[in-house]
Protein backbone atom coordinates (compact mmCIF):
# COMPACT_ATOMS: atom_id res chain seq x y z
CA MET A 1 109.73 243.95 128.03
CA TRP A 2 108.38 246.19 125.28
CA TYR A 3 105.21 248.21 125.87
CA ALA A 4 102.98 250.00 123.37
CA ILE A 5 101.74 253.37 124.60
CA LEU A 6 98.83 254.69 122.58
CA GLY A 7 97.65 258.24 123.19
CA THR A 8 94.45 259.49 121.58
CA ASP A 9 94.22 263.25 121.10
CA HIS A 10 91.37 265.48 122.15
CA PRO A 11 89.75 267.19 119.16
CA ASP A 12 91.38 270.54 118.35
CA SER A 13 94.48 269.82 120.45
CA LEU A 14 97.06 270.86 117.84
CA ASP A 15 98.05 274.12 119.57
CA ARG A 16 98.52 272.34 122.91
CA ARG A 17 100.43 269.54 121.16
CA MET A 18 102.82 271.99 119.52
CA ALA A 19 103.38 273.89 122.78
CA ALA A 20 104.36 270.69 124.64
CA ARG A 21 106.20 269.02 121.74
CA SER A 22 109.79 269.86 122.74
CA ALA A 23 109.32 268.48 126.27
CA HIS A 24 107.58 265.38 124.86
CA LEU A 25 110.43 264.77 122.39
CA ALA A 26 113.06 265.26 125.10
CA ARG A 27 111.63 262.33 127.06
CA LEU A 28 111.59 260.17 123.93
CA GLU A 29 115.17 261.14 123.11
CA ALA A 30 116.19 260.08 126.64
CA LEU A 31 114.63 256.65 126.04
CA GLN A 32 116.44 256.45 122.71
CA GLN A 33 119.79 257.31 124.28
CA GLN A 34 119.20 254.52 126.81
CA GLY A 35 118.51 252.05 123.98
CA ARG A 36 114.91 251.58 125.16
CA LEU A 37 112.93 253.17 122.29
CA LEU A 38 111.76 250.95 119.43
CA LEU A 39 109.64 253.57 117.65
CA ALA A 40 107.55 256.66 118.26
CA GLY A 41 105.41 258.94 116.16
CA PRO A 42 102.06 260.65 115.67
CA PHE A 43 98.99 259.66 113.66
CA PRO A 44 98.23 262.42 111.12
CA ALA A 45 94.53 263.28 110.98
CA ILE A 46 94.67 263.15 107.17
CA ASP A 47 96.64 261.08 104.68
CA ALA A 48 99.66 263.39 104.62
CA GLU A 49 103.12 263.38 106.15
CA GLN A 50 102.57 266.98 107.29
CA PRO A 51 98.83 267.38 108.00
CA GLY A 52 99.00 271.12 108.68
CA PRO A 53 95.97 272.49 110.53
CA ALA A 54 94.22 269.08 110.38
CA GLY A 55 96.65 268.04 113.11
CA PHE A 56 96.97 264.60 114.62
CA THR A 57 94.65 262.03 116.17
CA GLY A 58 97.17 260.56 118.59
CA SER A 59 100.57 258.97 119.00
CA LEU A 60 102.21 255.57 119.31
CA ILE A 61 105.31 254.88 121.40
CA VAL A 62 106.87 251.43 121.72
CA ALA A 63 109.52 251.38 124.43
CA GLU A 64 111.15 249.03 126.90
CA PHE A 65 110.29 249.19 130.61
CA ALA A 66 110.89 246.87 133.56
CA SER A 67 107.15 246.37 134.11
CA LEU A 68 103.69 247.40 133.00
CA ALA A 69 103.43 249.60 136.08
CA ASP A 70 106.66 251.40 135.12
CA ALA A 71 105.39 251.95 131.57
CA GLU A 72 102.07 253.28 132.87
CA GLN A 73 103.80 255.63 135.28
CA TRP A 74 106.08 256.92 132.51
CA ALA A 75 103.07 257.45 130.22
CA LYS A 76 101.14 259.37 132.89
CA ALA A 77 104.03 261.84 133.21
CA ASP A 78 104.13 262.62 129.49
CA PRO A 79 104.00 266.36 128.74
CA TYR A 80 101.13 265.70 126.32
CA VAL A 81 99.10 264.32 129.23
CA GLU A 82 99.96 267.33 131.37
CA ALA A 83 99.07 269.71 128.49
CA ASP A 84 95.71 267.95 127.96
CA VAL A 85 96.61 266.87 124.42
CA TYR A 86 95.58 263.27 125.05
CA ALA A 87 91.96 262.40 125.83
CA ASN A 88 93.13 258.95 126.90
CA VAL A 89 96.24 256.81 127.05
CA SER A 90 96.48 253.04 127.00
CA VAL A 91 99.54 250.93 127.74
CA LYS A 92 99.85 247.32 126.64
CA PRO A 93 102.63 244.74 126.65
CA PHE A 94 104.09 244.34 123.17
CA ARG A 95 106.01 241.40 121.75
CA LYS A 96 108.28 242.33 118.85
CA VAL A 97 108.46 239.57 116.26
CA LEU A 98 109.73 241.24 113.06
CA PRO A 99 112.10 242.44 112.00
CA ALA A 100 114.25 240.00 113.91
């Protein structure tokens, strides 16, 4: 099943985010290579593709896992969690409807 993983950043976490970014992306790329990643990306803090020092307010990942528990365990091991980028993370089942 698909699961939506929503991480909300701590204020002023841009430096920590950038330091952990390569490890974070490596895990996402592994999901992609396994055919289990639907989408992933950050929420810019301002209305700009590259927000610069304004940074980001969080991230969304939609990926396939065997269970909610597996998705939660994967999310807890994210480098952004370990680097204290995220203030909180929620994981919810997600049902893809469109595009078909």
